[in-house]
C-alpha atoms as a PDB file:
ATOM      1  CA  UNK A   1       5.095   5.878 -43.222  1.00  0.00           C
ATOM      2  CA  UNK A   2       5.059   9.636 -42.729  1.00  0.00           C
ATOM      3  CA  UNK A   3       3.965   9.185 -39.101  1.00  0.00           C
ATOM      4  CA  UNK A   4       6.802   6.725 -38.425  1.00  0.00           C
ATOM      5  CA  UNK A   5       9.312   9.140 -39.962  1.00  0.00           C
ATOM      6  CA  UNK A   6       7.954  12.005 -37.865  1.00  0.00           C
ATOM      7  CA  UNK A   7       8.122   9.988 -34.637  1.00  0.00           C
ATOM      8  CA  UNK A   8      11.647   8.831 -35.463  1.00  0.00           C
ATOM      9  CA  UNK A   9      12.744  12.415 -36.104  1.00  0.00           C
ATOM     10  CA  UNK A  10      11.285  13.579 -32.796  1.00  0.00           C
ATOM     11  CA  UNK A  11      13.029  10.760 -30.916  1.00  0.00           C
ATOM     12  CA  UNK A  12      16.365  11.625 -32.542  1.00  0.00           C
ATOM     13  CA  UNK A  13      15.965  15.293 -31.606  1.00  0.00           C
ATOM     14  CA  UNK A  14      15.118  14.347 -28.011  1.00  0.00           C
ATOM     15  CA  UNK A  15      18.123  12.012 -27.811  1.00  0.00           C
ATOM     16  CA  UNK A  16      20.522  14.623 -29.170  1.00  0.00           C
ATOM     17  CA  UNK A  17      19.140  17.303 -26.878  1.00  0.00           C
ATOM     18  CA  UNK A  18      19.419  14.988 -23.880  1.00  0.00           C
ATOM     19  CA  UNK A  19      23.075  14.328 -24.701  1.00  0.00           C
ATOM     20  CA  UNK A  20      23.729  18.055 -24.998  1.00  0.00           C
ATOM     21  CA  UNK A  21      22.097  18.642 -21.617  1.00  0.00           C
ATOM     22  CA  UNK A  22      24.029  15.812 -19.984  1.00  0.00           C
ATOM     23  CA  UNK A  23      27.487  16.292 -21.434  1.00  0.00           C
ATOM     24  CA  UNK A  24      27.560  19.940 -22.407  1.00  0.00           C
ATOM     25  CA  UNK A  25      28.449  21.218 -18.939  1.00  0.00           C
ATOM     26  CA  UNK A  26      30.736  20.568 -15.972  1.00  0.00           C
ATOM     27  CA  UNK A  27      30.185  17.485 -13.851  1.00  0.00           C
ATOM     28  CA  UNK A  28      28.307  17.938 -10.581  1.00  0.00           C
ATOM     29  CA  UNK A  29      31.489  17.117  -8.650  1.00  0.00           C
ATOM     30  CA  UNK A  30      33.313  19.935 -10.460  1.00  0.00           C
ATOM     31  CA  UNK A  31      30.429  22.342  -9.861  1.00  0.00           C
ATOM     32  CA  UNK A  32      30.420  21.634  -6.117  1.00  0.00           C
ATOM     33  CA  UNK A  33      33.975  22.987  -5.833  1.00  0.00           C
ATOM     34  CA  UNK A  34      32.587  26.416  -6.783  1.00  0.00           C
ATOM     35  CA  UNK A  35      31.091  26.623  -3.290  1.00  0.00           C
ATOM     36  CA  UNK A  36      34.554  26.994  -1.741  1.00  0.00           C
ATOM     37  CA  UNK A  37      34.713  30.305   0.133  1.00  0.00           C
ATOM     38  CA  UNK A  38      31.127  31.279  -0.735  1.00  0.00           C
ATOM     39  CA  UNK A  39      28.650  32.725   1.777  1.00  0.00           C
ATOM     40  CA  UNK A  40      25.618  30.426   2.038  1.00  0.00           C
ATOM     41  CA  UNK A  41      22.589  31.394   4.135  1.00  0.00           C
ATOM     42  CA  UNK A  42      20.041  28.653   4.829  1.00  0.00           C
ATOM     43  CA  UNK A  43      16.732  29.234   6.596  1.00  0.00           C
ATOM     44  CA  UNK A  44      15.331  26.115   8.238  1.00  0.00           C
ATOM     45  CA  UNK A  45      18.829  24.674   7.993  1.00  0.00           C
ATOM     46  CA  UNK A  46      18.854  22.698  11.235  1.00  0.00           C
ATOM     47  CA  UNK A  47      16.677  19.801  10.028  1.00  0.00           C
ATOM     48  CA  UNK A  48      15.619  17.925   6.918  1.00  0.00           C
ATOM     49  CA  UNK A  49      16.544  19.194   3.448  1.00  0.00           C
ATOM     50  CA  UNK A  50      18.037  22.366   4.908  1.00  0.00           C
ATOM     51  CA  UNK A  51      20.395  20.374   7.120  1.00  0.00           C
ATOM     52  CA  UNK A  52      21.500  18.225   4.175  1.00  0.00           C
ATOM     53  CA  UNK A  53      22.232  21.370   2.170  1.00  0.00           C
ATOM     54  CA  UNK A  54      24.213  22.879   5.040  1.00  0.00           C
ATOM     55  CA  UNK A  55      26.337  19.728   5.273  1.00  0.00           C
ATOM     56  CA  UNK A  56      27.004  19.543   1.536  1.00  0.00           C
ATOM     57  CA  UNK A  57      27.910  23.218   1.241  1.00  0.00           C
ATOM     58  CA  UNK A  58      30.195  23.183   4.289  1.00  0.00           C
ATOM     59  CA  UNK A  59      31.969  20.056   3.050  1.00  0.00           C
ATOM     60  CA  UNK A  60      32.912  22.020  -0.066  1.00  0.00           C
ATOM     61  CA  UNK A  61      34.499  24.874   1.877  1.00  0.00           C
ATOM     62  CA  UNK A  62      31.561  27.289   2.035  1.00  0.00           C
ATOM     63  CA  UNK A  63      30.885  29.577   4.978  1.00  0.00           C
ATOM     64  CA  UNK A  64      27.444  28.496   6.183  1.00  0.00           C
ATOM     65  CA  UNK A  65      24.936  30.523   8.183  1.00  0.00           C
ATOM     66  CA  UNK A  66      22.009  28.467   9.488  1.00  0.00           C
ATOM     67  CA  UNK A  67      18.830  30.237  10.595  1.00  0.00           C
ATOM     68  CA  UNK A  68      16.200  28.383  12.648  1.00  0.00           C
ATOM     69  CA  UNK A  69      13.988  28.762  15.713  1.00  0.00           C
ATOM     70  CA  UNK A  70      15.070  25.835  17.871  1.00  0.00           C
ATOM     71  CA  UNK A  71      18.291  26.482  19.814  1.00  0.00           C
ATOM     72  CA  UNK A  72      18.860  22.794  20.584  1.00  0.00           C
ATOM     73  CA  UNK A  73      18.654  21.841  16.908  1.00  0.00           C
ATOM     74  CA  UNK A  74      20.898  24.780  15.987  1.00  0.00           C
ATOM     75  CA  UNK A  75      23.569  23.717  18.460  1.00  0.00           C
ATOM     76  CA  UNK A  76      23.384  20.129  17.223  1.00  0.00           C
ATOM     77  CA  UNK A  77      23.768  21.039  13.559  1.00  0.00           C
ATOM     78  CA  UNK A  78      26.636  23.403  14.360  1.00  0.00           C
ATOM     79  CA  UNK A  79      28.528  20.599  16.099  1.00  0.00           C
ATOM     80  CA  UNK A  80      27.839  18.275  13.172  1.00  0.00           C
ATOM     81  CA  UNK A  81      29.056  20.862  10.677  1.00  0.00           C
ATOM     82  CA  UNK A  82      32.284  21.452  12.605  1.00  0.00           C
ATOM     83  CA  UNK A  83      33.166  17.793  12.045  1.00  0.00           C
ATOM     84  CA  UNK A  84      32.945  18.387   8.271  1.00  0.00           C
ATOM     85  CA  UNK A  85      35.362  21.340   8.231  1.00  0.00           C
ATOM     86  CA  UNK A  86      37.901  21.218   5.380  1.00  0.00           C
ATOM     87  CA  UNK A  87      39.881  24.366   6.200  1.00  0.00           C
ATOM     88  CA  UNK A  88      40.518  26.479   9.283  1.00  0.00           C
ATOM     89  CA  UNK A  89      39.165  29.682   7.714  1.00  0.00           C
ATOM     90  CA  UNK A  90      35.650  28.332   7.242  1.00  0.00           C
ATOM     91  CA  UNK A  91      32.895  29.802   9.368  1.00  0.00           C
ATOM     92  CA  UNK A  92      29.752  28.088  10.555  1.00  0.00           C
ATOM     93  CA  UNK A  93      27.307  30.445  12.246  1.00  0.00           C
ATOM     94  CA  UNK A  94      23.891  29.709  13.686  1.00  0.00           C
ATOM     95  CA  UNK A  95      21.233  32.372  14.126  1.00  0.00           C
ATOM     96  CA  UNK A  96      18.134  31.882  16.238  1.00  0.00           C
ATOM     97  CA  UNK A  97      15.207  33.635  14.588  1.00  0.00           C
ATOM     98  CA  UNK A  98      11.555  33.168  13.750  1.00  0.00           C
ATOM     99  CA  UNK A  99      11.350  33.790   9.992  1.00  0.00           C
ATOM    100  CA  UNK A 100       7.719  34.907  10.359  1.00  0.00           C
ATOM    101  CA  UNK A 101       8.969  37.977  12.273  1.00  0.00           C
ATOM    102  CA  UNK A 102      10.223  40.651   9.892  1.00  0.00           C
ATOM    103  CA  UNK A 103      12.092  42.402  12.714  1.00  0.00           C
ATOM    104  CA  UNK A 104      13.987  39.247  13.705  1.00  0.00           C
ATOM    105  CA  UNK A 105      14.825  38.472  10.078  1.00  0.00           C
ATOM    106  CA  UNK A 106      16.002  42.040   9.446  1.00  0.00           C
ATOM    107  CA  UNK A 107      18.284  41.867  12.493  1.00  0.00           C
ATOM    108  CA  UNK A 108      19.827  38.557  11.400  1.00  0.00           C
ATOM    109  CA  UNK A 109      20.521  39.755   7.858  1.00  0.00           C
ATOM    110  CA  UNK A 110      21.978  43.033   9.113  1.00  0.00           C
ATOM    111  CA  UNK A 111      24.407  40.971  11.208  1.00  0.00           C
ATOM    112  CA  UNK A 112      25.280  38.707   8.269  1.00  0.00           C
ATOM    113  CA  UNK A 113      25.914  41.605   5.894  1.00  0.00           C
ATOM    114  CA  UNK A 114      27.925  43.537   8.478  1.00  0.00           C
ATOM    115  CA  UNK A 115      30.197  40.531   8.987  1.00  0.00           C
ATOM    116  CA  UNK A 116      30.588  39.276   5.402  1.00  0.00           C
ATOM    117  CA  UNK A 117      29.369  42.112   3.167  1.00  0.00           C
ATOM    118  CA  UNK A 118      28.327  39.347   0.781  1.00  0.00           C
ATOM    119  CA  UNK A 119      25.588  36.747   0.285  1.00  0.00           C
ATOM    120  CA  UNK A 120      26.276  34.287  -2.524  1.00  0.00           C
ATOM    121  CA  UNK A 121      23.454  31.828  -1.868  1.00  0.00           C
ATOM    122  CA  UNK A 122      20.171  32.228  -0.028  1.00  0.00           C
ATOM    123  CA  UNK A 123      18.391  28.897   0.376  1.00  0.00           C
ATOM    124  CA  UNK A 124      14.858  29.219   1.763  1.00  0.00           C
ATOM    125  CA  UNK A 125      14.022  25.884   3.417  1.00  0.00           C
ATOM    126  CA  UNK A 126      12.001  27.049   6.420  1.00  0.00           C
ATOM    127  CA  UNK A 127       8.489  25.670   6.212  1.00  0.00           C
ATOM    128  CA  UNK A 128       6.075  22.978   7.270  1.00  0.00           C
ATOM    129  CA  UNK A 129       2.973  21.190   6.085  1.00  0.00           C
ATOM    130  CA  UNK A 130      -0.511  20.875   7.520  1.00  0.00           C
ATOM    131  CA  UNK A 131      -2.830  18.339   5.916  1.00  0.00           C
ATOM    132  CA  UNK A 132      -6.543  18.527   6.513  1.00  0.00           C
ATOM    133  CA  UNK A 133      -9.729  18.670   4.474  1.00  0.00           C
ATOM    134  CA  UNK A 134     -10.813  22.222   3.618  1.00  0.00           C
ATOM    135  CA  UNK A 135     -13.891  22.284   5.847  1.00  0.00           C
ATOM    136  CA  UNK A 136     -11.994  20.848   8.824  1.00  0.00           C
ATOM    137  CA  UNK A 137      -8.925  23.098   8.489  1.00  0.00           C
ATOM    138  CA  UNK A 138      -9.148  26.159  10.718  1.00  0.00           C
ATOM    139  CA  UNK A 139      -8.577  29.705   9.520  1.00  0.00           C
ATOM    140  CA  UNK A 140      -5.588  29.780  11.882  1.00  0.00           C
ATOM    141  CA  UNK A 141      -4.048  26.862   9.956  1.00  0.00           C
ATOM    142  CA  UNK A 142      -4.410  28.728   6.667  1.00  0.00           C
ATOM    143  CA  UNK A 143      -2.819  31.823   8.206  1.00  0.00           C
ATOM    144  CA  UNK A 144       0.038  29.851   9.736  1.00  0.00           C
ATOM    145  CA  UNK A 145       0.859  28.272   6.365  1.00  0.00           C
ATOM    146  CA  UNK A 146       0.976  31.676   4.670  1.00  0.00           C
ATOM    147  CA  UNK A 147       2.980  33.225   7.520  1.00  0.00           C
ATOM    148  CA  UNK A 148       5.654  30.530   7.615  1.00  0.00           C
ATOM    149  CA  UNK A 149       5.856  29.142   4.095  1.00  0.00           C
ATOM    150  CA  UNK A 150       5.234  32.359   2.171  1.00  0.00           C
ATOM    151  CA  UNK A 151       6.153  35.323   4.347  1.00  0.00           C
ATOM    152  CA  UNK A 152       8.985  33.360   5.993  1.00  0.00           C
ATOM    153  CA  UNK A 153      10.517  33.084   2.528  1.00  0.00           C
ATOM    154  CA  UNK A 154       9.562  36.602   1.441  1.00  0.00           C
ATOM    155  CA  UNK A 155      11.232  38.357   4.395  1.00  0.00           C
ATOM    156  CA  UNK A 156      14.565  36.566   4.034  1.00  0.00           C
ATOM    157  CA  UNK A 157      14.577  37.053   0.267  1.00  0.00           C
ATOM    158  CA  UNK A 158      13.737  40.741   0.615  1.00  0.00           C
ATOM    159  CA  UNK A 159      16.845  41.496   2.655  1.00  0.00           C
ATOM    160  CA  UNK A 160      19.109  39.187   0.650  1.00  0.00           C
ATOM    161  CA  UNK A 161      18.069  40.760  -2.666  1.00  0.00           C
ATOM    162  CA  UNK A 162      19.063  44.221  -1.467  1.00  0.00           C
ATOM    163  CA  UNK A 163      22.608  42.978  -0.834  1.00  0.00           C
ATOM    164  CA  UNK A 164      22.764  40.858  -3.988  1.00  0.00           C
ATOM    165  CA  UNK A 165      21.763  43.825  -6.142  1.00  0.00           C
ATOM    166  CA  UNK A 166      24.627  45.836  -4.661  1.00  0.00           C
ATOM    167  CA  UNK A 167      27.138  43.098  -5.435  1.00  0.00           C
ATOM    168  CA  UNK A 168      25.357  42.333  -8.756  1.00  0.00           C
ATOM    169  CA  UNK A 169      25.480  38.596  -8.224  1.00  0.00           C
ATOM    170  CA  UNK A 170      23.849  35.868  -6.197  1.00  0.00           C
ATOM    171  CA  UNK A 171      21.654  32.793  -6.158  1.00  0.00           C
ATOM    172  CA  UNK A 172      18.231  32.535  -4.554  1.00  0.00           C
ATOM    173  CA  UNK A 173      16.633  29.155  -3.981  1.00  0.00           C
ATOM    174  CA  UNK A 174      12.955  29.011  -3.055  1.00  0.00           C
ATOM    175  CA  UNK A 175      11.692  25.648  -1.862  1.00  0.00           C
ATOM    176  CA  UNK A 176       8.093  25.160  -2.912  1.00  0.00           C
ATOM    177  CA  UNK A 177       6.683  21.637  -3.312  1.00  0.00           C
ATOM    178  CA  UNK A 178       5.092  19.340  -5.858  1.00  0.00           C
ATOM    179  CA  UNK A 179       1.971  20.439  -3.950  1.00  0.00           C
ATOM    180  CA  UNK A 180       2.863  23.949  -5.136  1.00  0.00           C
ATOM    181  CA  UNK A 181       1.847  23.055  -8.705  1.00  0.00           C
ATOM    182  CA  UNK A 182      -0.691  20.293  -8.050  1.00  0.00           C
ATOM    183  CA  UNK A 183      -3.585  20.915  -5.693  1.00  0.00           C
ATOM    184  CA  UNK A 184      -4.428  17.669  -3.923  1.00  0.00           C
ATOM    185  CA  UNK A 185      -7.061  16.466  -1.482  1.00  0.00           C
ATOM    186  CA  UNK A 186      -6.174  17.584   2.055  1.00  0.00           C
ATOM    187  CA  UNK A 187      -3.617  20.237   1.061  1.00  0.00           C
ATOM    188  CA  UNK A 188      -5.792  23.335   0.596  1.00  0.00           C
ATOM    189  CA  UNK A 189      -3.893  25.285   3.291  1.00  0.00           C
ATOM    190  CA  UNK A 190      -0.430  23.975   2.407  1.00  0.00           C
ATOM    191  CA  UNK A 191      -0.783  24.154  -1.379  1.00  0.00           C
ATOM    192  CA  UNK A 192      -2.092  27.721  -1.228  1.00  0.00           C
ATOM    193  CA  UNK A 193       1.112  28.871   0.447  1.00  0.00           C
ATOM    194  CA  UNK A 194       3.369  26.836  -1.858  1.00  0.00           C
ATOM    195  CA  UNK A 195       1.566  27.989  -5.028  1.00  0.00           C
ATOM    196  CA  UNK A 196       2.209  31.557  -3.856  1.00  0.00           C
ATOM    197  CA  UNK A 197       5.937  30.840  -3.680  1.00  0.00           C
ATOM    198  CA  UNK A 198       5.972  29.776  -7.330  1.00  0.00           C
ATOM    199  CA  UNK A 199       4.462  33.106  -8.374  1.00  0.00           C
ATOM    200  CA  UNK A 200       7.005  34.941  -6.248  1.00  0.00           C
ATOM    201  CA  UNK A 201       9.884  32.950  -7.752  1.00  0.00           C
ATOM    202  CA  UNK A 202       8.709  33.607 -11.327  1.00  0.00           C
ATOM    203  CA  UNK A 203       8.502  37.362 -10.721  1.00  0.00           C
ATOM    204  CA  UNK A 204      11.903  37.444  -9.047  1.00  0.00           C
ATOM    205  CA  UNK A 205      13.474  35.499 -11.907  1.00  0.00           C
ATOM    206  CA  UNK A 206      12.286  38.119 -14.395  1.00  0.00           C
ATOM    207  CA  UNK A 207      13.230  41.097 -12.218  1.00  0.00           C
ATOM    208  CA  UNK A 208      16.676  39.941 -11.083  1.00  0.00           C
ATOM    209  CA  UNK A 209      18.146  38.316 -14.180  1.00  0.00           C
ATOM    210  CA  UNK A 210      19.731  41.582 -15.368  1.00  0.00           C
ATOM    211  CA  UNK A 211      21.505  41.864 -11.998  1.00  0.00           C
ATOM    212  CA  UNK A 212      23.169  38.460 -12.535  1.00  0.00           C
ATOM    213  CA  UNK A 213      21.031  36.975  -9.762  1.00  0.00           C
ATOM    214  CA  UNK A 214      19.770  33.456 -10.449  1.00  0.00           C
ATOM    215  CA  UNK A 215      16.463  32.186  -9.040  1.00  0.00           C
ATOM    216  CA  UNK A 216      15.727  28.468  -8.725  1.00  0.00           C
ATOM    217  CA  UNK A 217      12.386  27.116  -7.512  1.00  0.00           C
ATOM    218  CA  UNK A 218      12.546  23.651  -5.963  1.00  0.00           C
ATOM    219  CA  UNK A 219       9.607  21.241  -6.135  1.00  0.00           C
ATOM    220  CA  UNK A 220      10.525  18.388  -3.782  1.00  0.00           C
ATOM    221  CA  UNK A 221       8.176  15.408  -3.441  1.00  0.00           C
ATOM    222  CA  UNK A 222       7.502  13.797  -0.056  1.00  0.00           C
ATOM    223  CA  UNK A 223      10.877  13.622   1.679  1.00  0.00           C
ATOM    224  CA  UNK A 224      11.927  11.566   4.694  1.00  0.00           C
ATOM    225  CA  UNK A 225      12.370  14.393   7.210  1.00  0.00           C
ATOM    226  CA  UNK A 226      11.173  15.149  10.761  1.00  0.00           C
ATOM    227  CA  UNK A 227       8.654  17.556   9.230  1.00  0.00           C
ATOM    228  CA  UNK A 228       7.188  14.795   7.074  1.00  0.00           C
ATOM    229  CA  UNK A 229       6.893  12.498  10.102  1.00  0.00           C
ATOM    230  CA  UNK A 230       4.937  15.218  11.905  1.00  0.00           C
ATOM    231  CA  UNK A 231       2.737  15.841   8.869  1.00  0.00           C
ATOM    232  CA  UNK A 232       1.836  12.140   8.641  1.00  0.00           C
ATOM    233  CA  UNK A 233       0.274  12.146  12.116  1.00  0.00           C
ATOM    234  CA  UNK A 234      -2.740  14.211  11.103  1.00  0.00           C
ATOM    235  CA  UNK A 235      -2.914  13.462   7.390  1.00  0.00           C
ATOM    236  CA  UNK A 236      -6.293  12.180   6.113  1.00  0.00           C
ATOM    237  CA  UNK A 237      -6.224   8.587   4.867  1.00  0.00           C
ATOM    238  CA  UNK A 238      -7.302   9.649   1.383  1.00  0.00           C
ATOM    239  CA  UNK A 239      -4.357  12.062   1.196  1.00  0.00           C
ATOM    240  CA  UNK A 240      -1.953   9.317   2.276  1.00  0.00           C
ATOM    241  CA  UNK A 241      -3.235   7.012  -0.482  1.00  0.00           C
ATOM    242  CA  UNK A 242      -2.898   9.745  -3.107  1.00  0.00           C
ATOM    243  CA  UNK A 243       0.633  10.649  -1.985  1.00  0.00           C
ATOM    244  CA  UNK A 244       1.861   7.055  -2.017  1.00  0.00           C
ATOM    245  CA  UNK A 245       2.267   7.242  -5.814  1.00  0.00           C
ATOM    246  CA  UNK A 246       5.023   9.834  -5.439  1.00  0.00           C
ATOM    247  CA  UNK A 247       7.175   7.684  -3.148  1.00  0.00           C
ATOM    248  CA  UNK A 248       9.455   8.996  -0.409  1.00  0.00           C
ATOM    249  CA  UNK A 249      12.797  10.621  -1.254  1.00  0.00           C
ATOM    250  CA  UNK A 250      15.905  11.070   0.901  1.00  0.00           C
ATOM    251  CA  UNK A 251      16.829  14.644   1.911  1.00  0.00           C
ATOM    252  CA  UNK A 252      20.405  14.174   0.656  1.00  0.00           C
ATOM    253  CA  UNK A 253      19.102  13.256  -2.802  1.00  0.00           C
ATOM    254  CA  UNK A 254      16.802  16.289  -2.886  1.00  0.00           C
ATOM    255  CA  UNK A 255      19.709  18.507  -1.785  1.00  0.00           C
ATOM    256  CA  UNK A 256      21.953  17.130  -4.564  1.00  0.00           C
ATOM    257  CA  UNK A 257      19.295  17.744  -7.194  1.00  0.00           C
ATOM    258  CA  UNK A 258      18.636  21.257  -5.927  1.00  0.00           C
ATOM    259  CA  UNK A 259      22.309  22.265  -5.951  1.00  0.00           C
ATOM    260  CA  UNK A 260      22.863  20.708  -9.387  1.00  0.00           C
ATOM    261  CA  UNK A 261      19.948  22.641 -10.871  1.00  0.00           C
ATOM    262  CA  UNK A 262      21.033  25.864  -9.185  1.00  0.00           C
ATOM    263  CA  UNK A 263      24.574  25.523 -10.592  1.00  0.00           C
ATOM    264  CA  UNK A 264      23.068  24.985 -14.046  1.00  0.00           C
ATOM    265  CA  UNK A 265      20.904  28.119 -13.645  1.00  0.00           C
ATOM    266  CA  UNK A 266      17.674  26.155 -13.971  1.00  0.00           C
ATOM    267  CA  UNK A 267      14.446  27.650 -12.691  1.00  0.00           C
ATOM    268  CA  UNK A 268      12.735  24.302 -12.025  1.00  0.00           C
ATOM    269  CA  UNK A 269      14.354  21.795  -9.684  1.00  0.00           C
ATOM    270  CA  UNK A 270      12.983  18.402  -8.728  1.00  0.00           C
ATOM    271  CA  UNK A 271      14.070  14.765  -8.640  1.00  0.00           C
ATOM    272  CA  UNK A 272      12.526  11.503  -9.780  1.00  0.00           C
ATOM    273  CA  UNK A 273      10.961  10.609 -13.123  1.00  0.00           C
ATOM    274  CA  UNK A 274       7.358  11.061 -11.954  1.00  0.00           C
ATOM    275  CA  UNK A 275       8.044  14.478 -10.484  1.00  0.00           C
ATOM    276  CA  UNK A 276       9.858  15.601 -13.638  1.00  0.00           C
ATOM    277  CA  UNK A 277       6.739  14.652 -15.607  1.00  0.00           C
ATOM    278  CA  UNK A 278       4.637  16.778 -13.249  1.00  0.00           C
ATOM    279  CA  UNK A 279       6.904  19.846 -13.403  1.00  0.00           C
ATOM    280  CA  UNK A 280       7.180  19.589 -17.193  1.00  0.00           C
ATOM    281  CA  UNK A 281       3.383  19.413 -17.537  1.00  0.00           C
ATOM    282  CA  UNK A 282       3.085  22.551 -15.376  1.00  0.00           C
ATOM    283  CA  UNK A 283       5.972  24.461 -16.947  1.00  0.00           C
ATOM    284  CA  UNK A 284       4.021  26.301 -19.652  1.00  0.00           C
ATOM    285  CA  UNK A 285       4.646  29.899 -18.491  1.00  0.00           C
ATOM    286  CA  UNK A 286       7.627  29.264 -16.223  1.00  0.00           C
ATOM    287  CA  UNK A 287      10.963  30.882 -17.131  1.00  0.00           C
ATOM    288  CA  UNK A 288      12.992  29.442 -20.003  1.00  0.00           C
ATOM    289  CA  UNK A 289      16.518  28.831 -18.730  1.00  0.00           C
ATOM    290  CA  UNK A 290      18.080  26.995 -21.671  1.00  0.00           C
ATOM    291  CA  UNK A 291      17.225  26.312 -25.307  1.00  0.00           C
ATOM    292  CA  UNK A 292      18.122  22.625 -25.083  1.00  0.00           C
ATOM    293  CA  UNK A 293      15.767  22.196 -22.128  1.00  0.00           C
ATOM    294  CA  UNK A 294      13.100  24.154 -23.996  1.00  0.00           C
ATOM    295  CA  UNK A 295      13.282  21.704 -26.908  1.00  0.00           C
ATOM    296  CA  UNK A 296      12.845  18.771 -24.513  1.00  0.00           C
ATOM    297  CA  UNK A 297       9.874  20.493 -22.859  1.00  0.00           C
ATOM    298  CA  UNK A 298       8.169  21.282 -26.173  1.00  0.00           C
ATOM    299  CA  UNK A 299       8.530  17.720 -27.416  1.00  0.00           C
ATOM    300  CA  UNK A 300       7.446  16.063 -24.171  1.00  0.00           C
ATOM    301  CA  UNK A 301       4.839  18.390 -22.678  1.00  0.00           C
ATOM    302  CA  UNK A 302       1.920  16.694 -24.474  1.00  0.00           C
ATOM    303  CA  UNK A 303       2.925  13.283 -23.147  1.00  0.00           C
ATOM    304  CA  UNK A 304       3.427  14.744 -19.652  1.00  0.00           C
ATOM    305  CA  UNK A 305      -0.025  16.316 -19.792  1.00  0.00           C
ATOM    306  CA  UNK A 306      -1.513  12.923 -20.647  1.00  0.00           C
ATOM    307  CA  UNK A 307       0.301  11.301 -17.709  1.00  0.00           C
ATOM    308  CA  UNK A 308      -0.883  14.031 -15.348  1.00  0.00           C
ATOM    309  CA  UNK A 309      -4.483  13.601 -16.516  1.00  0.00           C
ATOM    310  CA  UNK A 310      -4.273   9.860 -15.843  1.00  0.00           C
ATOM    311  CA  UNK A 311      -2.859  10.551 -12.375  1.00  0.00           C
ATOM    312  CA  UNK A 312      -5.675  13.009 -11.557  1.00  0.00           C
ATOM    313  CA  UNK A 313      -8.262  10.457 -12.684  1.00  0.00           C
ATOM    314  CA  UNK A 314      -6.647   7.942 -10.330  1.00  0.00           C
ATOM    315  CA  UNK A 315      -6.833  10.500  -7.508  1.00  0.00           C
ATOM    316  CA  UNK A 316     -10.583  10.865  -8.015  1.00  0.00           C
ATOM    317  CA  UNK A 317     -10.949   7.092  -8.077  1.00  0.00           C
ATOM    318  CA  UNK A 318      -9.172   6.893  -4.708  1.00  0.00           C
ATOM    319  CA  UNK A 319     -11.439   9.600  -3.298  1.00  0.00           C
ATOM    320  CA  UNK A 320     -14.604   7.916  -4.570  1.00  0.00           C
ATOM    321  CA  UNK A 321     -13.486   4.552  -3.199  1.00  0.00           C
ATOM    322  CA  UNK A 322     -12.647   5.903   0.246  1.00  0.00           C
ATOM    323  CA  UNK A 323     -14.956   8.850   0.785  1.00  0.00           C
ATOM    324  CA  UNK A 324     -16.979   9.051   3.974  1.00  0.00           C
ATOM    325  CA  UNK A 325     -20.622   9.961   3.481  1.00  0.00           C
ATOM    326  CA  UNK A 326     -22.252  12.170   6.104  1.00  0.00           C
END
């Protein structure tokens, strides 16, 4: 009887907290209007999730600066963005730069700051994935993952933070991955770089909060992008089988979830029930960004840990069923 009462009480608390989280703030549609006139800088914004974010921000009246390496893709996304213009004063600017080059990144941000003297949102989407077993992955692959995924984010954030501290406001979004909190077969090079981003995001959140600068770390699952298509070509079969459980999300849906969580000043951003279980299970020492959310995490983290343990057991079963003996 006592156990039933306890369970019932917990469920009531969870339900009330959920309602507070859902209805205690502006609707997403209302929040999107806050982008009007803002300066949004997106690295890797010519394709995939970055492109979706550029479109959504520009459609709300933001001035969008897209940074990428490929001139053809930059020109294409610029033309696409121009079709979404909602007022004549909006600016869409493309900057060709390799985010792994600190000199190129510094030059681009100097130009942005000289023109706008403001950066309201920095969204770090530049990155890619390499999937290979540890012994078959080359040292060059490990270095390339760190250079692009980690340092490519670090350089852009470094220059944006300097400006944001001066203006004492801003939003920084760092796109990690579900593979940035769960190390899986075939992702030793990729996960290493994405785990590093989580540590960077946590430190930045603590350092920049007093400057009114919000930091959100995004943990997208597999997403239907050109980068994912390229990743699939060399992905080990075991890795493909393990990843199938997470499904395949649309970049527009990931972009919506990321913006919603950023507006609500959340540190963790992801979409999908399974991925929310994973991020909750891994959230132990991540920043607390709301008491209502904290209550939900405390009450559900044990269950999420159980689910994650079951998933990891299933991963090992897949590996044992498909392993190749030498």
